[in-house]
PDB file of N, CA and C in Angstrom:
ATOM      1  N   MET A   1       0.846  -1.185   0.000  1.00  0.00           N
ATOM      2  CA  MET A   1       0.000   0.000   0.000  1.00  0.00           C
ATOM      3  C   MET A   1       0.886   1.242   0.000  1.00  0.00           C
ATOM      4  N   SER A   2       0.589   2.196  -0.837  1.00  0.00           N
ATOM      5  CA  SER A   2       1.382   3.412  -0.947  1.00  0.00           C
ATOM      6  C   SER A   2       1.126   4.347   0.226  1.00  0.00           C
ATOM      7  N   LYS A   3       2.172   5.022   0.622  1.00  0.00           N
ATOM      8  CA  LYS A   3       2.087   5.952   1.739  1.00  0.00           C
ATOM      9  C   LYS A   3       1.433   7.260   1.299  1.00  0.00           C
ATOM     10  N   ILE A   4       0.577   7.802   2.153  1.00  0.00           N
ATOM     11  CA  ILE A   4      -0.019   9.120   1.950  1.00  0.00           C
ATOM     12  C   ILE A   4       0.640  10.059   2.953  1.00  0.00           C
ATOM     13  N   LEU A   5       1.244  11.141   2.466  1.00  0.00           N
ATOM     14  CA  LEU A   5       1.912  12.120   3.318  1.00  0.00           C
ATOM     15  C   LEU A   5       1.010  13.340   3.457  1.00  0.00           C
ATOM     16  N   ARG A   6       0.658  13.683   4.687  1.00  0.00           N
ATOM     17  CA  ARG A   6      -0.192  14.841   4.960  1.00  0.00           C
ATOM     18  C   ARG A   6       0.648  15.915   5.648  1.00  0.00           C
ATOM     19  N   THR A   7       0.667  17.117   5.075  1.00  0.00           N
ATOM     20  CA  THR A   7       1.444  18.225   5.615  1.00  0.00           C
ATOM     21  C   THR A   7       0.538  19.115   6.459  1.00  0.00           C
ATOM     22  N   ASN A   8       0.963  19.361   7.690  1.00  0.00           N
ATOM     23  CA  ASN A   8       0.231  20.220   8.630  1.00  0.00           C
ATOM     24  C   ASN A   8      -1.247  19.821   8.776  1.00  0.00           C
ATOM     25  N   PRO A   9      -1.514  18.549   9.062  1.00  0.00           N
ATOM     26  CA  PRO A   9      -2.921  18.152   9.198  1.00  0.00           C
ATOM     27  C   PRO A   9      -3.551  18.736  10.456  1.00  0.00           C
ATOM     28  N   ASN A  10      -4.837  19.028  10.361  1.00  0.00           N
ATOM     29  CA  ASN A  10      -5.618  19.412  11.534  1.00  0.00           C
ATOM     30  C   ASN A  10      -6.946  18.674  11.433  1.00  0.00           C
ATOM     31  N   PRO A  11      -7.892  18.913  12.315  1.00  0.00           N
ATOM     32  CA  PRO A  11      -9.132  18.128  12.277  1.00  0.00           C
ATOM     33  C   PRO A  11      -9.954  18.261  10.992  1.00  0.00           C
ATOM     34  N   ILE A  12      -9.753  19.337  10.198  1.00  0.00           N
ATOM     35  CA  ILE A  12     -10.596  19.489   9.002  1.00  0.00           C
ATOM     36  C   ILE A  12      -9.836  19.492   7.673  1.00  0.00           C
ATOM     37  N   LEU A  13      -8.525  19.725   7.676  1.00  0.00           N
ATOM     38  CA  LEU A  13      -7.781  19.734   6.415  1.00  0.00           C
ATOM     39  C   LEU A  13      -6.294  19.625   6.660  1.00  0.00           C
ATOM     40  N   SER A  14      -5.561  19.364   5.577  1.00  0.00           N
ATOM     41  CA  SER A  14      -4.102  19.386   5.574  1.00  0.00           C
ATOM     42  C   SER A  14      -3.665  20.480   4.604  1.00  0.00           C
ATOM     43  N   SER A  15      -2.501  21.061   4.826  1.00  0.00           N
ATOM     44  CA  SER A  15      -1.982  22.072   3.898  1.00  0.00           C
ATOM     45  C   SER A  15      -1.764  21.467   2.521  1.00  0.00           C
ATOM     46  N   ALA A  16      -1.321  20.206   2.521  1.00  0.00           N
ATOM     47  CA  ALA A  16      -1.124  19.476   1.270  1.00  0.00           C
ATOM     48  C   ALA A  16      -1.194  17.987   1.574  1.00  0.00           C
ATOM     49  N   VAL A  17      -1.527  17.232   0.551  1.00  0.00           N
ATOM     50  CA  VAL A  17      -1.519  15.778   0.636  1.00  0.00           C
ATOM     51  C   VAL A  17      -0.725  15.268  -0.555  1.00  0.00           C
ATOM     52  N   GLU A  18       0.256  14.412  -0.277  1.00  0.00           N
ATOM     53  CA  GLU A  18       1.082  13.843  -1.334  1.00  0.00           C
ATOM     54  C   GLU A  18       0.814  12.347  -1.435  1.00  0.00           C
ATOM     55  N   TYR A  19       0.615  11.881  -2.682  1.00  0.00           N
ATOM     56  CA  TYR A  19       0.351  10.466  -2.924  1.00  0.00           C
ATOM     57  C   TYR A  19       0.857  10.106  -4.317  1.00  0.00           C
ATOM     58  N   HIS A  20       1.693   9.093  -4.414  1.00  0.00           N
ATOM     59  CA  HIS A  20       2.242   8.635  -5.691  1.00  0.00           C
ATOM     60  C   HIS A  20       2.863   9.778  -6.501  1.00  0.00           C
ATOM     61  N   GLY A  21       3.544  10.713  -5.837  1.00  0.00           N
ATOM     62  CA  GLY A  21       4.209  11.802  -6.535  1.00  0.00           C
ATOM     63  C   GLY A  21       3.310  12.961  -6.929  1.00  0.00           C
ATOM     64  N   PHE A  22       2.024  12.866  -6.597  1.00  0.00           N
ATOM     65  CA  PHE A  22       1.098  13.973  -6.832  1.00  0.00           C
ATOM     66  C   PHE A  22       0.917  14.744  -5.532  1.00  0.00           C
ATOM     67  N   ILE A  23       0.835  16.067  -5.633  1.00  0.00           N
ATOM     68  CA  ILE A  23       0.613  16.926  -4.473  1.00  0.00           C
ATOM     69  C   ILE A  23      -0.679  17.693  -4.704  1.00  0.00           C
ATOM     70  N   PHE A  24      -1.573  17.599  -3.738  1.00  0.00           N
ATOM     71  CA  PHE A  24      -2.858  18.276  -3.761  1.00  0.00           C
ATOM     72  C   PHE A  24      -2.822  19.317  -2.647  1.00  0.00           C
ATOM     73  N   THR A  25      -2.927  20.589  -2.987  1.00  0.00           N
ATOM     74  CA  THR A  25      -2.854  21.614  -1.947  1.00  0.00           C
ATOM     75  C   THR A  25      -4.244  21.951  -1.419  1.00  0.00           C
ATOM     76  N   GLN A  26      -4.244  22.511  -0.234  1.00  0.00           N
ATOM     77  CA  GLN A  26      -5.472  23.095   0.296  1.00  0.00           C
ATOM     78  C   GLN A  26      -5.821  24.317  -0.544  1.00  0.00           C
ATOM     79  N   GLY A  27      -6.961  24.884  -0.326  1.00  0.00           N
ATOM     80  CA  GLY A  27      -7.264  26.185  -0.885  1.00  0.00           C
ATOM     81  C   GLY A  27      -6.458  27.201  -0.085  1.00  0.00           C
ATOM     82  N   VAL A  28      -5.454  27.788  -0.703  1.00  0.00           N
ATOM     83  CA  VAL A  28      -4.548  28.714  -0.007  1.00  0.00           C
ATOM     84  C   VAL A  28      -5.134  30.119  -0.058  1.00  0.00           C
ATOM     85  N   VAL A  29      -5.208  30.744   1.109  1.00  0.00           N
ATOM     86  CA  VAL A  29      -5.674  32.130   1.214  1.00  0.00           C
ATOM     87  C   VAL A  29      -4.576  32.964   1.866  1.00  0.00           C
ATOM     88  N   ALA A  30      -4.695  34.259   1.742  1.00  0.00           N
ATOM     89  CA  ALA A  30      -3.687  35.164   2.297  1.00  0.00           C
ATOM     90  C   ALA A  30      -3.658  35.085   3.825  1.00  0.00           C
ATOM     91  N   ARG A  31      -2.491  35.308   4.380  1.00  0.00           N
ATOM     92  CA  ARG A  31      -2.347  35.352   5.840  1.00  0.00           C
ATOM     93  C   ARG A  31      -2.896  36.655   6.393  1.00  0.00           C
ATOM     94  N   ASN A  32      -2.786  37.732   5.611  1.00  0.00           N
ATOM     95  CA  ASN A  32      -3.296  39.037   6.024  1.00  0.00           C
ATOM     96  C   ASN A  32      -4.505  39.375   5.158  1.00  0.00           C
ATOM     97  N   LEU A  33      -5.683  39.227   5.710  1.00  0.00           N
ATOM     98  CA  LEU A  33      -6.914  39.444   4.953  1.00  0.00           C
ATOM     99  C   LEU A  33      -7.282  40.912   4.823  1.00  0.00           C
ATOM    100  N   GLU A  34      -6.451  41.793   5.347  1.00  0.00           N
ATOM    101  CA  GLU A  34      -6.683  43.226   5.173  1.00  0.00           C
ATOM    102  C   GLU A  34      -6.091  43.736   3.862  1.00  0.00           C
ATOM    103  N   LEU A  35      -5.284  42.898   3.193  1.00  0.00           N
ATOM    104  CA  LEU A  35      -4.674  43.284   1.917  1.00  0.00           C
ATOM    105  C   LEU A  35      -5.720  43.324   0.815  1.00  0.00           C
ATOM    106  N   ASP A  36      -5.431  44.086  -0.250  1.00  0.00           N
ATOM    107  CA  ASP A  36      -6.301  44.095  -1.431  1.00  0.00           C
ATOM    108  C   ASP A  36      -6.044  42.820  -2.236  1.00  0.00           C
ATOM    109  N   ALA A  37      -6.752  42.659  -3.348  1.00  0.00           N
ATOM    110  CA  ALA A  37      -6.635  41.434  -4.147  1.00  0.00           C
ATOM    111  C   ALA A  37      -5.205  41.207  -4.633  1.00  0.00           C
ATOM    112  N   GLU A  38      -4.519  42.273  -5.012  1.00  0.00           N
ATOM    113  CA  GLU A  38      -3.132  42.128  -5.454  1.00  0.00           C
ATOM    114  C   GLU A  38      -2.250  41.628  -4.317  1.00  0.00           C
ATOM    115  N   GLY A  39      -2.367  42.241  -3.157  1.00  0.00           N
ATOM    116  CA  GLY A  39      -1.571  41.834  -2.000  1.00  0.00           C
ATOM    117  C   GLY A  39      -1.881  40.403  -1.570  1.00  0.00           C
ATOM    118  N   GLN A  40      -3.166  40.043  -1.571  1.00  0.00           N
ATOM    119  CA  GLN A  40      -3.539  38.677  -1.201  1.00  0.00           C
ATOM    120  C   GLN A  40      -2.976  37.669  -2.208  1.00  0.00           C
ATOM    121  N   THR A  41      -3.055  37.990  -3.491  1.00  0.00           N
ATOM    122  CA  THR A  41      -2.532  37.079  -4.507  1.00  0.00           C
ATOM    123  C   THR A  41      -1.032  36.893  -4.358  1.00  0.00           C
ATOM    124  N   ARG A  42      -0.303  37.982  -4.138  1.00  0.00           N
ATOM    125  CA  ARG A  42       1.154  37.883  -3.938  1.00  0.00           C
ATOM    126  C   ARG A  42       1.477  36.973  -2.759  1.00  0.00           C
ATOM    127  N   ASP A  43       0.762  37.146  -1.653  1.00  0.00           N
ATOM    128  CA  ASP A  43       0.997  36.333  -0.467  1.00  0.00           C
ATOM    129  C   ASP A  43       0.680  34.865  -0.735  1.00  0.00           C
ATOM    130  N   ILE A  44      -0.409  34.605  -1.415  1.00  0.00           N
ATOM    131  CA  ILE A  44      -0.795  33.230  -1.734  1.00  0.00           C
ATOM    132  C   ILE A  44       0.273  32.560  -2.589  1.00  0.00           C
ATOM    133  N   LEU A  45       0.767  33.240  -3.605  1.00  0.00           N
ATOM    134  CA  LEU A  45       1.787  32.657  -4.477  1.00  0.00           C
ATOM    135  C   LEU A  45       3.078  32.381  -3.708  1.00  0.00           C
ATOM    136  N   GLU A  46       3.431  33.247  -2.772  1.00  0.00           N
ATOM    137  CA  GLU A  46       4.596  33.006  -1.908  1.00  0.00           C
ATOM    138  C   GLU A  46       4.381  31.759  -1.062  1.00  0.00           C
ATOM    139  N   GLN A  47       3.188  31.621  -0.484  1.00  0.00           N
ATOM    140  CA  GLN A  47       2.883  30.442   0.327  1.00  0.00           C
ATOM    141  C   GLN A  47       2.927  29.170  -0.519  1.00  0.00           C
ATOM    142  N   ILE A  48       2.408  29.251  -1.731  1.00  0.00           N
ATOM    143  CA  ILE A  48       2.420  28.091  -2.624  1.00  0.00           C
ATOM    144  C   ILE A  48       3.854  27.694  -2.957  1.00  0.00           C
ATOM    145  N   ASP A  49       4.715  28.671  -3.237  1.00  0.00           N
ATOM    146  CA  ASP A  49       6.125  28.364  -3.503  1.00  0.00           C
ATOM    147  C   ASP A  49       6.733  27.573  -2.353  1.00  0.00           C
ATOM    148  N   THR A  50       6.470  28.012  -1.132  1.00  0.00           N
ATOM    149  CA  THR A  50       6.998  27.339   0.057  1.00  0.00           C
ATOM    150  C   THR A  50       6.431  25.939   0.191  1.00  0.00           C
ATOM    151  N   LEU A  51       5.138  25.804   0.012  1.00  0.00           N
ATOM    152  CA  LEU A  51       4.480  24.506   0.137  1.00  0.00           C
ATOM    153  C   LEU A  51       5.000  23.521  -0.911  1.00  0.00           C
ATOM    154  N   LEU A  52       5.138  23.977  -2.147  1.00  0.00           N
ATOM    155  CA  LEU A  52       5.661  23.101  -3.199  1.00  0.00           C
ATOM    156  C   LEU A  52       7.107  22.704  -2.911  1.00  0.00           C
ATOM    157  N   GLU A  53       7.902  23.654  -2.429  1.00  0.00           N
ATOM    158  CA  GLU A  53       9.297  23.355  -2.087  1.00  0.00           C
ATOM    159  C   GLU A  53       9.378  22.292  -0.996  1.00  0.00           C
ATOM    160  N   GLN A  54       8.474  22.364  -0.024  1.00  0.00           N
ATOM    161  CA  GLN A  54       8.450  21.350   1.043  1.00  0.00           C
ATOM    162  C   GLN A  54       8.210  19.950   0.485  1.00  0.00           C
ATOM    163  N   HIS A  55       7.554  19.879  -0.653  1.00  0.00           N
ATOM    164  CA  HIS A  55       7.258  18.588  -1.271  1.00  0.00           C
ATOM    165  C   HIS A  55       8.193  18.268  -2.440  1.00  0.00           C
ATOM    166  N   GLY A  56       9.267  19.038  -2.568  1.00  0.00           N
ATOM    167  CA  GLY A  56      10.281  18.741  -3.564  1.00  0.00           C
ATOM    168  C   GLY A  56       9.862  19.040  -4.996  1.00  0.00           C
ATOM    169  N   THR A  57       9.024  20.045  -5.163  1.00  0.00           N
ATOM    170  CA  THR A  57       8.597  20.420  -6.504  1.00  0.00           C
ATOM    171  C   THR A  57       8.493  21.934  -6.606  1.00  0.00           C
ATOM    172  N   ASP A  58       8.007  22.418  -7.735  1.00  0.00           N
ATOM    173  CA  ASP A  58       7.881  23.860  -7.930  1.00  0.00           C
ATOM    174  C   ASP A  58       6.794  24.149  -8.958  1.00  0.00           C
ATOM    175  N   ASN A  59       6.684  25.409  -9.354  1.00  0.00           N
ATOM    176  CA  ASN A  59       5.595  25.810 -10.249  1.00  0.00           C
ATOM    177  C   ASN A  59       5.817  25.408 -11.711  1.00  0.00           C
ATOM    178  N   THR A  60       6.873  24.666 -12.009  1.00  0.00           N
ATOM    179  CA  THR A  60       7.041  24.117 -13.352  1.00  0.00           C
ATOM    180  C   THR A  60       6.309  22.789 -13.504  1.00  0.00           C
ATOM    181  N   ARG A  61       5.739  22.280 -12.425  1.00  0.00           N
ATOM    182  CA  ARG A  61       5.128  20.942 -12.413  1.00  0.00           C
ATOM    183  C   ARG A  61       3.625  20.993 -12.138  1.00  0.00           C
ATOM    184  N   LEU A  62       3.017  22.155 -12.296  1.00  0.00           N
ATOM    185  CA  LEU A  62       1.588  22.303 -12.029  1.00  0.00           C
ATOM    186  C   LEU A  62       0.754  21.560 -13.067  1.00  0.00           C
ATOM    187  N   LEU A  63      -0.272  20.884 -12.600  1.00  0.00           N
ATOM    188  CA  LEU A  63      -1.184  20.181 -13.496  1.00  0.00           C
ATOM    189  C   LEU A  63      -2.529  20.895 -13.599  1.00  0.00           C
ATOM    190  N   GLN A  64      -3.049  21.320 -12.445  1.00  0.00           N
ATOM    191  CA  GLN A  64      -4.376  21.945 -12.426  1.00  0.00           C
ATOM    192  C   GLN A  64      -4.427  23.006 -11.337  1.00  0.00           C
ATOM    193  N   ALA A  65      -5.142  24.085 -11.619  1.00  0.00           N
ATOM    194  CA  ALA A  65      -5.367  25.145 -10.642  1.00  0.00           C
ATOM    195  C   ALA A  65      -6.860  25.460 -10.587  1.00  0.00           C
ATOM    196  N   GLN A  66      -7.347  25.627  -9.378  1.00  0.00           N
ATOM    197  CA  GLN A  66      -8.705  26.115  -9.166  1.00  0.00           C
ATOM    198  C   GLN A  66      -8.569  27.420  -8.398  1.00  0.00           C
ATOM    199  N   ILE A  67      -9.162  28.470  -8.940  1.00  0.00           N
ATOM    200  CA  ILE A  67      -9.030  29.798  -8.344  1.00  0.00           C
ATOM    201  C   ILE A  67     -10.421  30.362  -8.114  1.00  0.00           C
ATOM    202  N   TRP A  68     -10.612  30.857  -6.895  1.00  0.00           N
ATOM    203  CA  TRP A  68     -11.865  31.502  -6.532  1.00  0.00           C
ATOM    204  C   TRP A  68     -11.584  32.960  -6.216  1.00  0.00           C
ATOM    205  N   LEU A  69     -12.398  33.854  -6.768  1.00  0.00           N
ATOM    206  CA  LEU A  69     -12.311  35.287  -6.504  1.00  0.00           C
ATOM    207  C   LEU A  69     -13.614  35.746  -5.882  1.00  0.00           C
ATOM    208  N   LYS A  70     -13.506  36.594  -4.891  1.00  0.00           N
ATOM    209  CA  LYS A  70     -14.718  37.181  -4.323  1.00  0.00           C
ATOM    210  C   LYS A  70     -15.407  38.042  -5.367  1.00  0.00           C
ATOM    211  N   ASP A  71     -14.599  38.765  -6.141  1.00  0.00           N
ATOM    212  CA  ASP A  71     -15.117  39.649  -7.192  1.00  0.00           C
ATOM    213  C   ASP A  71     -14.387  39.330  -8.492  1.00  0.00           C
ATOM    214  N   ILE A  72     -15.108  38.841  -9.477  1.00  0.00           N
ATOM    215  CA  ILE A  72     -14.501  38.449 -10.752  1.00  0.00           C
ATOM    216  C   ILE A  72     -13.808  39.628 -11.433  1.00  0.00           C
ATOM    217  N   ASN A  73     -14.134  40.848 -11.041  1.00  0.00           N
ATOM    218  CA  ASN A  73     -13.452  42.023 -11.592  1.00  0.00           C
ATOM    219  C   ASN A  73     -11.985  42.085 -11.181  1.00  0.00           C
ATOM    220  N   ASP A  74     -11.577  41.280 -10.195  1.00  0.00           N
ATOM    221  CA  ASP A  74     -10.170  41.194  -9.794  1.00  0.00           C
ATOM    222  C   ASP A  74      -9.383  40.209 -10.664  1.00  0.00           C
ATOM    223  N   ARG A  75     -10.030  39.632 -11.647  1.00  0.00           N
ATOM    224  CA  ARG A  75      -9.394  38.616 -12.492  1.00  0.00           C
ATOM    225  C   ARG A  75      -8.182  39.178 -13.243  1.00  0.00           C
ATOM    226  N   ASP A  76      -8.267  40.383 -13.763  1.00  0.00           N
ATOM    227  CA  ASP A  76      -7.121  40.958 -14.483  1.00  0.00           C
ATOM    228  C   ASP A  76      -5.916  41.129 -13.556  1.00  0.00           C
ATOM    229  N   THR A  77      -6.160  41.578 -12.336  1.00  0.00           N
ATOM    230  CA  THR A  77      -5.077  41.729 -11.353  1.00  0.00           C
ATOM    231  C   THR A  77      -4.459  40.374 -11.057  1.00  0.00           C
ATOM    232  N   LEU A  78      -5.299  39.388 -10.804  1.00  0.00           N
ATOM    233  CA  LEU A  78      -4.819  38.037 -10.535  1.00  0.00           C
ATOM    234  C   LEU A  78      -4.025  37.518 -11.727  1.00  0.00           C
ATOM    235  N   ASN A  79      -4.561  37.643 -12.933  1.00  0.00           N
ATOM    236  CA  ASN A  79      -3.894  37.111 -14.126  1.00  0.00           C
ATOM    237  C   ASN A  79      -2.530  37.742 -14.359  1.00  0.00           C
ATOM    238  N   LYS A  80      -2.402  39.021 -14.068  1.00  0.00           N
ATOM    239  CA  LYS A  80      -1.111  39.703 -14.228  1.00  0.00           C
ATOM    240  C   LYS A  80      -0.056  39.060 -13.324  1.00  0.00           C
ATOM    241  N   LEU A  81      -0.410  38.857 -12.065  1.00  0.00           N
ATOM    242  CA  LEU A  81       0.526  38.255 -11.115  1.00  0.00           C
ATOM    243  C   LEU A  81       0.746  36.777 -11.414  1.00  0.00           C
ATOM    244  N   TRP A  82      -0.328  36.074 -11.725  1.00  0.00           N
ATOM    245  CA  TRP A  82      -0.270  34.649 -12.044  1.00  0.00           C
ATOM    246  C   TRP A  82       0.646  34.415 -13.247  1.00  0.00           C
ATOM    247  N   SER A  83       0.468  35.200 -14.305  1.00  0.00           N
ATOM    248  CA  SER A  83       1.276  35.046 -15.514  1.00  0.00           C
ATOM    249  C   SER A  83       2.748  35.328 -15.255  1.00  0.00           C
ATOM    250  N   ALA A  84       3.028  36.314 -14.429  1.00  0.00           N
ATOM    251  CA  ALA A  84       4.422  36.637 -14.086  1.00  0.00           C
ATOM    252  C   ALA A  84       5.043  35.530 -13.230  1.00  0.00           C
ATOM    253  N   TRP A  85       4.239  34.878 -12.411  1.00  0.00           N
ATOM    254  CA  TRP A  85       4.716  33.819 -11.510  1.00  0.00           C
ATOM    255  C   TRP A  85       4.976  32.509 -12.253  1.00  0.00           C
ATOM    256  N   LEU A  86       4.169  32.225 -13.259  1.00  0.00           N
ATOM    257  CA  LEU A  86       4.322  30.970 -13.999  1.00  0.00           C
ATOM    258  C   LEU A  86       5.521  31.022 -14.949  1.00  0.00           C
ATOM    259  N   PRO A  87       6.279  29.935 -15.019  1.00  0.00           N
ATOM    260  CA  PRO A  87       7.312  29.862 -16.052  1.00  0.00           C
ATOM    261  C   PRO A  87       6.641  29.858 -17.438  1.00  0.00           C
ATOM    262  N   GLU A  88       7.332  30.390 -18.427  1.00  0.00           N
ATOM    263  CA  GLU A  88       6.768  30.487 -19.776  1.00  0.00           C
ATOM    264  C   GLU A  88       6.348  29.116 -20.306  1.00  0.00           C
ATOM    265  N   ASN A  89       5.161  29.068 -20.874  1.00  0.00           N
ATOM    266  CA  ASN A  89       4.589  27.855 -21.464  1.00  0.00           C
ATOM    267  C   ASN A  89       4.400  26.718 -20.464  1.00  0.00           C
ATOM    268  N   MET A  90       4.207  27.043 -19.191  1.00  0.00           N
ATOM    269  CA  MET A  90       4.028  26.026 -18.155  1.00  0.00           C
ATOM    270  C   MET A  90       2.674  26.158 -17.454  1.00  0.00           C
ATOM    271  N   ALA A  91       1.719  26.817 -18.071  1.00  0.00           N
ATOM    272  CA  ALA A  91       0.417  27.027 -17.431  1.00  0.00           C
ATOM    273  C   ALA A  91      -0.324  25.702 -17.257  1.00  0.00           C
ATOM    274  N   PRO A  92      -0.943  25.511 -16.095  1.00  0.00           N
ATOM    275  CA  PRO A  92      -1.740  24.302 -15.863  1.00  0.00           C
ATOM    276  C   PRO A  92      -3.140  24.465 -16.457  1.00  0.00           C
ATOM    277  N   ALA A  93      -3.890  23.382 -16.472  1.00  0.00           N
ATOM    278  CA  ALA A  93      -5.324  23.504 -16.713  1.00  0.00           C
ATOM    279  C   ALA A  93      -5.867  24.330 -15.553  1.00  0.00           C
ATOM    280  N   ARG A  94      -6.844  25.212 -15.815  1.00  0.00           N
ATOM    281  CA  ARG A  94      -7.237  26.139 -14.760  1.00  0.00           C
ATOM    282  C   ARG A  94      -8.700  26.523 -14.867  1.00  0.00           C
ATOM    283  N   ALA A  95      -9.304  26.736 -13.711  1.00  0.00           N
ATOM    284  CA  ALA A  95     -10.630  27.336 -13.618  1.00  0.00           C
ATOM    285  C   ALA A  95     -10.501  28.545 -12.701  1.00  0.00           C
ATOM    286  N   CYS A  96     -11.217  29.598 -13.028  1.00  0.00           N
ATOM    287  CA  CYS A  96     -11.219  30.809 -12.212  1.00  0.00           C
ATOM    288  C   CYS A  96     -12.653  31.316 -12.167  1.00  0.00           C
ATOM    289  N   VAL A  97     -13.243  31.332 -10.984  1.00  0.00           N
ATOM    290  CA  VAL A  97     -14.644  31.700 -10.852  1.00  0.00           C
ATOM    291  C   VAL A  97     -14.850  32.681  -9.706  1.00  0.00           C
ATOM    292  N   GLN A  98     -15.960  33.383  -9.761  1.00  0.00           N
ATOM    293  CA  GLN A  98     -16.387  34.230  -8.647  1.00  0.00           C
ATOM    294  C   GLN A  98     -17.126  33.341  -7.658  1.00  0.00           C
ATOM    295  N   ALA A  99     -16.890  33.566  -6.363  1.00  0.00           N
ATOM    296  CA  ALA A  99     -17.507  32.718  -5.345  1.00  0.00           C
ATOM    297  C   ALA A  99     -17.781  33.498  -4.067  1.00  0.00           C
ATOM    298  N   VAL A 100     -18.736  33.008  -3.308  1.00  0.00           N
ATOM    299  CA  VAL A 100     -18.968  33.509  -1.960  1.00  0.00           C
ATOM    300  C   VAL A 100     -17.918  32.831  -1.081  1.00  0.00           C
ATOM    301  N   MET A 101     -17.095  33.619  -0.421  1.00  0.00           N
ATOM    302  CA  MET A 101     -15.987  33.083   0.357  1.00  0.00           C
ATOM    303  C   MET A 101     -16.406  32.781   1.794  1.00  0.00           C
ATOM    304  N   ALA A 102     -15.678  31.900   2.456  1.00  0.00           N
ATOM    305  CA  ALA A 102     -15.978  31.512   3.827  1.00  0.00           C
ATOM    306  C   ALA A 102     -15.864  32.699   4.787  1.00  0.00           C
ATOM    307  N   ASP A 103     -14.965  33.613   4.496  1.00  0.00           N
ATOM    308  CA  ASP A 103     -14.784  34.838   5.274  1.00  0.00           C
ATOM    309  C   ASP A 103     -14.875  35.980   4.261  1.00  0.00           C
ATOM    310  N   PRO A 104     -15.700  36.974   4.490  1.00  0.00           N
ATOM    311  CA  PRO A 104     -15.872  38.044   3.499  1.00  0.00           C
ATOM    312  C   PRO A 104     -14.602  38.842   3.204  1.00  0.00           C
ATOM    313  N   ARG A 105     -13.589  38.728   4.042  1.00  0.00           N
ATOM    314  CA  ARG A 105     -12.324  39.431   3.793  1.00  0.00           C
ATOM    315  C   ARG A 105     -11.434  38.673   2.815  1.00  0.00           C
ATOM    316  N   ILE A 106     -11.732  37.393   2.581  1.00  0.00           N
ATOM    317  CA  ILE A 106     -10.955  36.605   1.614  1.00  0.00           C
ATOM    318  C   ILE A 106     -11.354  37.050   0.216  1.00  0.00           C
ATOM    319  N   LEU A 107     -10.371  37.518  -0.545  1.00  0.00           N
ATOM    320  CA  LEU A 107     -10.619  37.995  -1.899  1.00  0.00           C
ATOM    321  C   LEU A 107     -10.172  36.998  -2.964  1.00  0.00           C
ATOM    322  N   VAL A 108      -9.214  36.139  -2.600  1.00  0.00           N
ATOM    323  CA  VAL A 108      -8.621  35.179  -3.537  1.00  0.00           C
ATOM    324  C   VAL A 108      -8.330  33.886  -2.785  1.00  0.00           C
ATOM    325  N   GLU A 109      -8.585  32.767  -3.451  1.00  0.00           N
ATOM    326  CA  GLU A 109      -8.207  31.452  -2.920  1.00  0.00           C
ATOM    327  C   GLU A 109      -7.734  30.602  -4.091  1.00  0.00           C
ATOM    328  N   ILE A 110      -6.598  29.922  -3.904  1.00  0.00           N
ATOM    329  CA  ILE A 110      -6.016  29.107  -4.975  1.00  0.00           C
ATOM    330  C   ILE A 110      -5.717  27.710  -4.448  1.00  0.00           C
ATOM    331  N   MET A 111      -6.116  26.713  -5.234  1.00  0.00           N
ATOM    332  CA  MET A 111      -5.888  25.305  -4.897  1.00  0.00           C
ATOM    333  C   MET A 111      -5.228  24.637  -6.106  1.00  0.00           C
ATOM    334  N   LEU A 112      -4.200  23.827  -5.866  1.00  0.00           N
ATOM    335  CA  LEU A 112      -3.442  23.229  -6.966  1.00  0.00           C
ATOM    336  C   LEU A 112      -3.357  21.706  -6.868  1.00  0.00           C
ATOM    337  N   ILE A 113      -3.195  21.105  -8.026  1.00  0.00           N
ATOM    338  CA  ILE A 113      -2.730  19.731  -8.137  1.00  0.00           C
ATOM    339  C   ILE A 113      -1.436  19.815  -8.927  1.00  0.00           C
ATOM    340  N   THR A 114      -0.389  19.206  -8.383  1.00  0.00           N
ATOM    341  CA  THR A 114       0.908  19.243  -9.038  1.00  0.00           C
ATOM    342  C   THR A 114       1.570  17.883  -8.888  1.00  0.00           C
ATOM    343  N   THR A 115       2.732  17.739  -9.435  1.00  0.00           N
ATOM    344  CA  THR A 115       3.471  16.492  -9.344  1.00  0.00           C
ATOM    345  C   THR A 115       4.945  16.803  -9.093  1.00  0.00           C
ATOM    346  N   LYS A 116       5.659  15.783  -8.726  1.00  0.00           N
ATOM    347  CA  LYS A 116       7.097  15.955  -8.492  1.00  0.00           C
ATOM    348  C   LYS A 116       7.843  15.911  -9.803  1.00  0.00           C
TER     349      LYS A 116
END
């Protein structure tokens, strides 16, 4: 039976789950919810870099991204930062939708599936 590695598990979620070389991240939100959409996105991408590094991978190995925005009008801001963060021609399959967030201060949430 293959080992499942859970990073920072708590009673309701783990920061990431690794299985057979695939890494599934939690929905990552900004640590400081007082930031605007640009600030929250920058913080989320920094957290994702750290999380992927902990699992021995990086943003060149992304397979799928799910992105939720409180306001779809922030999509251009997100895309500008997202495009700059991604290596050229390495974009994953992606969905980006407007959603009601668990906390009204959350403006952006990103969840990834990646591999080693």
